């Protein structure tokens, strides 16, 4: 599970409809956050993954190695324009 927030770390507002790019061993997919700024993926195969926000070139890229049975989380903060 991961969340996307807008604003500064101390004033977190969920970003509904944000697009998140997930790239891994089986290719790439774009996920969309729900009303709470959350997206969730279940059943990913083990391997190395990159996760980043679509159309937010200044956002961080998270890279992680997923092993069988792992659960991982990430939080993205979209910087105000």
PDB file of N, CA and C in Angstrom:
ATOM      1  N   UNK A   1       0.842  -1.167   0.000  1.00  0.00           N
ATOM      2  CA  UNK A   1       0.000   0.000   0.000  1.00  0.00           C
ATOM      3  C   UNK A   1       0.887   1.230   0.000  1.00  0.00           C
ATOM      4  N   UNK A   2       0.416   2.254  -0.651  1.00  0.00           N
ATOM      5  CA  UNK A   2       1.145   3.511  -0.654  1.00  0.00           C
ATOM      6  C   UNK A   2       0.152   4.658  -0.670  1.00  0.00           C
ATOM      7  N   UNK A   3       0.628   5.820  -0.267  1.00  0.00           N
ATOM      8  CA  UNK A   3      -0.216   7.011  -0.226  1.00  0.00           C
ATOM      9  C   UNK A   3       0.466   8.159  -0.957  1.00  0.00           C
ATOM     10  N   UNK A   4      -0.366   9.033  -1.515  1.00  0.00           N
ATOM     11  CA  UNK A   4       0.120  10.240  -2.170  1.00  0.00           C
ATOM     12  C   UNK A   4      -0.539  11.421  -1.467  1.00  0.00           C
ATOM     13  N   UNK A   5       0.301  12.360  -0.998  1.00  0.00           N
ATOM     14  CA  UNK A   5      -0.171  13.546  -0.305  1.00  0.00           C
ATOM     15  C   UNK A   5       0.269  14.795  -1.043  1.00  0.00           C
ATOM     16  N   UNK A   6      -0.512  15.875  -0.878  1.00  0.00           N
ATOM     17  CA  UNK A   6      -0.184  17.173  -1.437  1.00  0.00           C
ATOM     18  C   UNK A   6       0.232  18.089  -0.288  1.00  0.00           C
ATOM     19  N   UNK A   7       1.258  18.861  -0.487  1.00  0.00           N
ATOM     20  CA  UNK A   7       1.644  19.854   0.506  1.00  0.00           C
ATOM     21  C   UNK A   7       2.875  19.483   1.298  1.00  0.00           C
ATOM     22  N   UNK A   8       3.053  20.205   2.364  1.00  0.00           N
ATOM     23  CA  UNK A   8       4.207  20.027   3.240  1.00  0.00           C
ATOM     24  C   UNK A   8       3.997  18.815   4.143  1.00  0.00           C
ATOM     25  N   UNK A   9       5.078  18.229   4.661  1.00  0.00           N
ATOM     26  CA  UNK A   9       4.950  17.042   5.503  1.00  0.00           C
ATOM     27  C   UNK A   9       4.035  17.221   6.710  1.00  0.00           C
ATOM     28  N   UNK A  10       3.927  18.428   7.244  1.00  0.00           N
ATOM     29  CA  UNK A  10       3.100  18.638   8.432  1.00  0.00           C
ATOM     30  C   UNK A  10       1.643  18.949   8.093  1.00  0.00           C
ATOM     31  N   UNK A  11       1.320  19.184   6.818  1.00  0.00           N
ATOM     32  CA  UNK A  11      -0.066  19.416   6.381  1.00  0.00           C
ATOM     33  C   UNK A  11      -0.332  18.467   5.221  1.00  0.00           C
ATOM     34  N   UNK A  12      -0.694  17.251   5.538  1.00  0.00           N
ATOM     35  CA  UNK A  12      -0.869  16.236   4.502  1.00  0.00           C
ATOM     36  C   UNK A  12      -2.324  16.159   4.056  1.00  0.00           C
ATOM     37  N   UNK A  13      -2.545  16.413   2.751  1.00  0.00           N
ATOM     38  CA  UNK A  13      -3.868  16.281   2.153  1.00  0.00           C
ATOM     39  C   UNK A  13      -3.786  15.162   1.116  1.00  0.00           C
ATOM     40  N   UNK A  14      -4.624  14.122   1.234  1.00  0.00           N
ATOM     41  CA  UNK A  14      -4.585  13.035   0.258  1.00  0.00           C
ATOM     42  C   UNK A  14      -4.858  13.552  -1.156  1.00  0.00           C
ATOM     43  N   UNK A  15      -4.224  12.939  -2.141  1.00  0.00           N
ATOM     44  CA  UNK A  15      -4.410  13.315  -3.535  1.00  0.00           C
ATOM     45  C   UNK A  15      -5.165  12.200  -4.251  1.00  0.00           C
ATOM     46  N   UNK A  16      -6.482  12.359  -4.425  1.00  0.00           N
ATOM     47  CA  UNK A  16      -7.233  11.362  -5.171  1.00  0.00           C
ATOM     48  C   UNK A  16      -6.941  11.486  -6.667  1.00  0.00           C
ATOM     49  N   UNK A  17      -6.933  10.379  -7.362  1.00  0.00           N
ATOM     50  CA  UNK A  17      -6.736  10.388  -8.809  1.00  0.00           C
ATOM     51  C   UNK A  17      -5.304  10.553  -9.263  1.00  0.00           C
ATOM     52  N   UNK A  18      -4.342  10.522  -8.349  1.00  0.00           N
ATOM     53  CA  UNK A  18      -2.933  10.621  -8.744  1.00  0.00           C
ATOM     54  C   UNK A  18      -2.522   9.329  -9.447  1.00  0.00           C
ATOM     55  N   UNK A  19      -1.724   9.452 -10.464  1.00  0.00           N
ATOM     56  CA  UNK A  19      -1.259   8.270 -11.199  1.00  0.00           C
ATOM     57  C   UNK A  19       0.148   7.902 -10.743  1.00  0.00           C
ATOM     58  N   UNK A  20       0.319   6.624 -10.461  1.00  0.00           N
ATOM     59  CA  UNK A  20       1.579   6.087  -9.958  1.00  0.00           C
ATOM     60  C   UNK A  20       2.062   5.020 -10.930  1.00  0.00           C
ATOM     61  N   UNK A  21       3.308   5.144 -11.373  1.00  0.00           N
ATOM     62  CA  UNK A  21       3.901   4.178 -12.291  1.00  0.00           C
ATOM     63  C   UNK A  21       4.665   3.133 -11.498  1.00  0.00           C
ATOM     64  N   UNK A  22       4.322   1.877 -11.708  1.00  0.00           N
ATOM     65  CA  UNK A  22       4.993   0.752 -11.073  1.00  0.00           C
ATOM     66  C   UNK A  22       5.680  -0.044 -12.168  1.00  0.00           C
ATOM     67  N   UNK A  23       7.012  -0.148 -12.078  1.00  0.00           N
ATOM     68  CA  UNK A  23       7.788  -0.888 -13.082  1.00  0.00           C
ATOM     69  C   UNK A  23       8.517  -2.019 -12.374  1.00  0.00           C
ATOM     70  N   UNK A  24       8.302  -3.244 -12.865  1.00  0.00           N
ATOM     71  CA  UNK A  24       8.922  -4.406 -12.236  1.00  0.00           C
ATOM     72  C   UNK A  24       9.216  -5.497 -13.243  1.00  0.00           C
ATOM     73  N   UNK A  25       9.443  -6.714 -12.752  1.00  0.00           N
ATOM     74  CA  UNK A  25       9.846  -7.832 -13.601  1.00  0.00           C
ATOM     75  C   UNK A  25       8.850  -8.167 -14.717  1.00  0.00           C
ATOM     76  N   UNK A  26       7.570  -7.883 -14.488  1.00  0.00           N
ATOM     77  CA  UNK A  26       6.553  -8.201 -15.495  1.00  0.00           C
ATOM     78  C   UNK A  26       6.173  -7.000 -16.345  1.00  0.00           C
ATOM     79  N   UNK A  27       6.964  -5.933 -16.306  1.00  0.00           N
ATOM     80  CA  UNK A  27       6.668  -4.744 -17.095  1.00  0.00           C
ATOM     81  C   UNK A  27       6.187  -3.598 -16.231  1.00  0.00           C
ATOM     82  N   UNK A  28       5.460  -2.673 -16.854  1.00  0.00           N
ATOM     83  CA  UNK A  28       4.997  -1.471 -16.159  1.00  0.00           C
ATOM     84  C   UNK A  28       3.481  -1.412 -16.141  1.00  0.00           C
ATOM     85  N   UNK A  29       2.974  -0.774 -15.112  1.00  0.00           N
ATOM     86  CA  UNK A  29       1.545  -0.519 -15.009  1.00  0.00           C
ATOM     87  C   UNK A  29       1.342   0.816 -14.310  1.00  0.00           C
ATOM     88  N   UNK A  30       0.258   1.490 -14.649  1.00  0.00           N
ATOM     89  CA  UNK A  30      -0.085   2.751 -14.010  1.00  0.00           C
ATOM     90  C   UNK A  30      -1.283   2.500 -13.112  1.00  0.00           C
ATOM     91  N   UNK A  31      -1.148   2.910 -11.858  1.00  0.00           N
ATOM     92  CA  UNK A  31      -2.203   2.759 -10.860  1.00  0.00           C
ATOM     93  C   UNK A  31      -2.740   4.135 -10.520  1.00  0.00           C
ATOM     94  N   UNK A  32      -3.998   4.207 -10.081  1.00  0.00           N
ATOM     95  CA  UNK A  32      -4.616   5.479  -9.724  1.00  0.00           C
ATOM     96  C   UNK A  32      -5.045   5.438  -8.264  1.00  0.00           C
ATOM     97  N   UNK A  33      -4.739   6.510  -7.525  1.00  0.00           N
ATOM     98  CA  UNK A  33      -5.096   6.549  -6.108  1.00  0.00           C
ATOM     99  C   UNK A  33      -6.600   6.729  -5.931  1.00  0.00           C
ATOM    100  N   UNK A  34      -7.107   6.230  -4.794  1.00  0.00           N
ATOM    101  CA  UNK A  34      -8.523   6.377  -4.476  1.00  0.00           C
ATOM    102  C   UNK A  34      -8.762   7.723  -3.787  1.00  0.00           C
ATOM    103  N   UNK A  35      -9.961   7.915  -3.227  1.00  0.00           N
ATOM    104  CA  UNK A  35     -10.323   9.187  -2.600  1.00  0.00           C
ATOM    105  C   UNK A  35      -9.404   9.544  -1.428  1.00  0.00           C
ATOM    106  N   UNK A  36      -8.813   8.544  -0.785  1.00  0.00           N
ATOM    107  CA  UNK A  36      -7.909   8.787   0.333  1.00  0.00           C
ATOM    108  C   UNK A  36      -6.463   8.916  -0.076  1.00  0.00           C
ATOM    109  N   UNK A  37      -6.183   8.975  -1.393  1.00  0.00           N
ATOM    110  CA  UNK A  37      -4.808   9.088  -1.877  1.00  0.00           C
ATOM    111  C   UNK A  37      -4.042   7.779  -1.809  1.00  0.00           C
ATOM    112  N   UNK A  38      -4.768   6.658  -1.697  1.00  0.00           N
ATOM    113  CA  UNK A  38      -4.141   5.352  -1.507  1.00  0.00           C
ATOM    114  C   UNK A  38      -4.233   4.521  -2.782  1.00  0.00           C
ATOM    115  N   UNK A  39      -3.152   3.812  -3.082  1.00  0.00           N
ATOM    116  CA  UNK A  39      -3.212   2.751  -4.091  1.00  0.00           C
ATOM    117  C   UNK A  39      -2.613   1.505  -3.464  1.00  0.00           C
ATOM    118  N   UNK A  40      -3.075   0.372  -3.916  1.00  0.00           N
ATOM    119  CA  UNK A  40      -2.656  -0.889  -3.320  1.00  0.00           C
ATOM    120  C   UNK A  40      -2.494  -1.919  -4.430  1.00  0.00           C
ATOM    121  N   UNK A  41      -1.464  -2.717  -4.326  1.00  0.00           N
ATOM    122  CA  UNK A  41      -1.206  -3.785  -5.299  1.00  0.00           C
ATOM    123  C   UNK A  41      -0.972  -5.070  -4.514  1.00  0.00           C
ATOM    124  N   UNK A  42      -1.652  -6.116  -4.907  1.00  0.00           N
ATOM    125  CA  UNK A  42      -1.514  -7.404  -4.239  1.00  0.00           C
ATOM    126  C   UNK A  42      -1.054  -8.438  -5.255  1.00  0.00           C
ATOM    127  N   UNK A  43      -0.203  -9.345  -4.811  1.00  0.00           N
ATOM    128  CA  UNK A  43       0.194 -10.460  -5.656  1.00  0.00           C
ATOM    129  C   UNK A  43       1.323 -10.181  -6.630  1.00  0.00           C
ATOM    130  N   UNK A  44       2.163  -9.213  -6.328  1.00  0.00           N
ATOM    131  CA  UNK A  44       3.307  -8.946  -7.200  1.00  0.00           C
ATOM    132  C   UNK A  44       4.322 -10.080  -7.079  1.00  0.00           C
ATOM    133  N   UNK A  45       4.930 -10.464  -8.192  1.00  0.00           N
ATOM    134  CA  UNK A  45       5.974 -11.480  -8.101  1.00  0.00           C
ATOM    135  C   UNK A  45       7.240 -10.888  -7.499  1.00  0.00           C
ATOM    136  N   UNK A  46       8.095 -11.713  -6.908  1.00  0.00           N
ATOM    137  CA  UNK A  46       9.362 -11.213  -6.365  1.00  0.00           C
ATOM    138  C   UNK A  46      10.189 -10.543  -7.459  1.00  0.00           C
ATOM    139  N   UNK A  47      10.998  -9.572  -7.049  1.00  0.00           N
ATOM    140  CA  UNK A  47      11.891  -8.894  -7.986  1.00  0.00           C
ATOM    141  C   UNK A  47      12.120  -7.451  -7.596  1.00  0.00           C
ATOM    142  N   UNK A  48      12.832  -6.718  -8.451  1.00  0.00           N
ATOM    143  CA  UNK A  48      13.150  -5.307  -8.214  1.00  0.00           C
ATOM    144  C   UNK A  48      12.071  -4.436  -8.862  1.00  0.00           C
ATOM    145  N   UNK A  49      11.633  -3.429  -8.110  1.00  0.00           N
ATOM    146  CA  UNK A  49      10.575  -2.523  -8.560  1.00  0.00           C
ATOM    147  C   UNK A  49      10.998  -1.076  -8.416  1.00  0.00           C
ATOM    148  N   UNK A  50      10.537  -0.244  -9.336  1.00  0.00           N
ATOM    149  CA  UNK A  50      10.648   1.209  -9.262  1.00  0.00           C
ATOM    150  C   UNK A  50       9.229   1.753  -9.220  1.00  0.00           C
ATOM    151  N   UNK A  51       8.997   2.719  -8.333  1.00  0.00           N
ATOM    152  CA  UNK A  51       7.687   3.344  -8.195  1.00  0.00           C
ATOM    153  C   UNK A  51       7.886   4.845  -8.234  1.00  0.00           C
ATOM    154  N   UNK A  52       7.092   5.528  -9.056  1.00  0.00           N
ATOM    155  CA  UNK A  52       7.185   6.980  -9.132  1.00  0.00           C
ATOM    156  C   UNK A  52       5.845   7.559  -9.553  1.00  0.00           C
ATOM    157  N   UNK A  53       5.665   8.848  -9.303  1.00  0.00           N
ATOM    158  CA  UNK A  53       4.463   9.529  -9.724  1.00  0.00           C
ATOM    159  C   UNK A  53       4.561   9.886 -11.195  1.00  0.00           C
ATOM    160  N   UNK A  54       3.465   9.743 -11.906  1.00  0.00           N
ATOM    161  CA  UNK A  54       3.402  10.117 -13.312  1.00  0.00           C
ATOM    162  C   UNK A  54       3.202  11.635 -13.386  1.00  0.00           C
ATOM    163  N   UNK A  55       3.894  12.302 -14.292  1.00  0.00           N
ATOM    164  CA  UNK A  55       3.781  13.746 -14.520  1.00  0.00           C
ATOM    165  C   UNK A  55       4.244  14.605 -13.354  1.00  0.00           C
ATOM    166  N   UNK A  56       5.053  14.062 -12.471  1.00  0.00           N
ATOM    167  CA  UNK A  56       5.652  14.835 -11.387  1.00  0.00           C
ATOM    168  C   UNK A  56       7.147  14.526 -11.401  1.00  0.00           C
ATOM    169  N   UNK A  57       7.854  15.205 -12.287  1.00  0.00           N
ATOM    170  CA  UNK A  57       9.255  14.887 -12.538  1.00  0.00           C
ATOM    171  C   UNK A  57      10.165  15.184 -11.349  1.00  0.00           C
ATOM    172  N   UNK A  58       9.679  15.990 -10.409  1.00  0.00           N
ATOM    173  CA  UNK A  58      10.511  16.291  -9.249  1.00  0.00           C
ATOM    174  C   UNK A  58      10.220  15.351  -8.075  1.00  0.00           C
ATOM    175  N   UNK A  59       9.342  14.365  -8.287  1.00  0.00           N
ATOM    176  CA  UNK A  59       9.037  13.441  -7.194  1.00  0.00           C
ATOM    177  C   UNK A  59      10.128  12.381  -7.081  1.00  0.00           C
ATOM    178  N   UNK A  60      10.185  11.776  -5.917  1.00  0.00           N
ATOM    179  CA  UNK A  60      11.180  10.734  -5.689  1.00  0.00           C
ATOM    180  C   UNK A  60      10.811   9.469  -6.446  1.00  0.00           C
ATOM    181  N   UNK A  61      11.819   8.667  -6.743  1.00  0.00           N
ATOM    182  CA  UNK A  61      11.612   7.337  -7.303  1.00  0.00           C
ATOM    183  C   UNK A  61      12.026   6.349  -6.227  1.00  0.00           C
ATOM    184  N   UNK A  62      11.107   5.480  -5.861  1.00  0.00           N
ATOM    185  CA  UNK A  62      11.399   4.460  -4.857  1.00  0.00           C
ATOM    186  C   UNK A  62      11.791   3.179  -5.573  1.00  0.00           C
ATOM    187  N   UNK A  63      12.876   2.581  -5.144  1.00  0.00           N
ATOM    188  CA  UNK A  63      13.325   1.302  -5.678  1.00  0.00           C
ATOM    189  C   UNK A  63      13.400   0.323  -4.519  1.00  0.00           C
ATOM    190  N   UNK A  64      12.827  -0.856  -4.729  1.00  0.00           N
ATOM    191  CA  UNK A  64      12.878  -1.861  -3.685  1.00  0.00           C
ATOM    192  C   UNK A  64      12.920  -3.251  -4.295  1.00  0.00           C
ATOM    193  N   UNK A  65      13.506  -4.175  -3.546  1.00  0.00           N
ATOM    194  CA  UNK A  65      13.548  -5.584  -3.936  1.00  0.00           C
ATOM    195  C   UNK A  65      12.484  -6.315  -3.135  1.00  0.00           C
ATOM    196  N   UNK A  66      11.494  -6.838  -3.826  1.00  0.00           N
ATOM    197  CA  UNK A  66      10.398  -7.546  -3.185  1.00  0.00           C
ATOM    198  C   UNK A  66      10.709  -9.039  -3.137  1.00  0.00           C
ATOM    199  N   UNK A  67      10.628  -9.583  -1.949  1.00  0.00           N
ATOM    200  CA  UNK A  67      10.837 -11.020  -1.760  1.00  0.00           C
ATOM    201  C   UNK A  67       9.490 -11.667  -1.473  1.00  0.00           C
ATOM    202  N   UNK A  68       9.369 -12.949  -1.660  1.00  0.00           N
ATOM    203  CA  UNK A  68       8.122 -13.656  -1.408  1.00  0.00           C
ATOM    204  C   UNK A  68       7.649 -13.390   0.013  1.00  0.00           C
ATOM    205  N   UNK A  69       6.395 -12.966   0.150  1.00  0.00           N
ATOM    206  CA  UNK A  69       5.814 -12.706   1.457  1.00  0.00           C
ATOM    207  C   UNK A  69       6.061 -11.317   1.999  1.00  0.00           C
ATOM    208  N   UNK A  70       6.861 -10.497   1.307  1.00  0.00           N
ATOM    209  CA  UNK A  70       7.139  -9.134   1.768  1.00  0.00           C
ATOM    210  C   UNK A  70       5.907  -8.239   1.649  1.00  0.00           C
ATOM    211  N   UNK A  71       5.853  -7.262   2.529  1.00  0.00           N
ATOM    212  CA  UNK A  71       4.878  -6.186   2.446  1.00  0.00           C
ATOM    213  C   UNK A  71       5.690  -4.900   2.503  1.00  0.00           C
ATOM    214  N   UNK A  72       5.429  -3.986   1.585  1.00  0.00           N
ATOM    215  CA  UNK A  72       6.190  -2.739   1.574  1.00  0.00           C
ATOM    216  C   UNK A  72       5.243  -1.564   1.419  1.00  0.00           C
ATOM    217  N   UNK A  73       5.648  -0.395   1.901  1.00  0.00           N
ATOM    218  CA  UNK A  73       4.829   0.803   1.833  1.00  0.00           C
ATOM    219  C   UNK A  73       5.690   1.980   1.390  1.00  0.00           C
ATOM    220  N   UNK A  74       5.035   2.966   0.783  1.00  0.00           N
ATOM    221  CA  UNK A  74       5.730   4.176   0.368  1.00  0.00           C
ATOM    222  C   UNK A  74       4.787   5.360   0.530  1.00  0.00           C
ATOM    223  N   UNK A  75       5.341   6.530   0.801  1.00  0.00           N
ATOM    224  CA  UNK A  75       4.559   7.759   0.886  1.00  0.00           C
ATOM    225  C   UNK A  75       5.193   8.780  -0.044  1.00  0.00           C
ATOM    226  N   UNK A  76       4.377   9.372  -0.913  1.00  0.00           N
ATOM    227  CA  UNK A  76       4.830  10.414  -1.822  1.00  0.00           C
ATOM    228  C   UNK A  76       4.245  11.739  -1.370  1.00  0.00           C
ATOM    229  N   UNK A  77       5.059  12.790  -1.332  1.00  0.00           N
ATOM    230  CA  UNK A  77       4.591  14.147  -1.088  1.00  0.00           C
ATOM    231  C   UNK A  77       4.758  14.936  -2.377  1.00  0.00           C
ATOM    232  N   UNK A  78       3.643  15.442  -2.893  1.00  0.00           N
ATOM    233  CA  UNK A  78       3.704  16.274  -4.095  1.00  0.00           C
ATOM    234  C   UNK A  78       3.992  17.709  -3.642  1.00  0.00           C
ATOM    235  N   UNK A  79       5.057  18.264  -4.169  1.00  0.00           N
ATOM    236  CA  UNK A  79       5.440  19.625  -3.775  1.00  0.00           C
ATOM    237  C   UNK A  79       4.471  20.627  -4.416  1.00  0.00           C
ATOM    238  N   UNK A  80       4.009  21.609  -3.639  1.00  0.00           N
ATOM    239  CA  UNK A  80       3.119  22.628  -4.204  1.00  0.00           C
ATOM    240  C   UNK A  80       3.824  23.392  -5.302  1.00  0.00           C
ATOM    241  N   UNK A  81       3.081  23.749  -6.313  1.00  0.00           N
ATOM    242  CA  UNK A  81       3.632  24.495  -7.456  1.00  0.00           C
ATOM    243  C   UNK A  81       3.819  25.941  -7.089  1.00  0.00           C
TER     244      UNK A  81
END
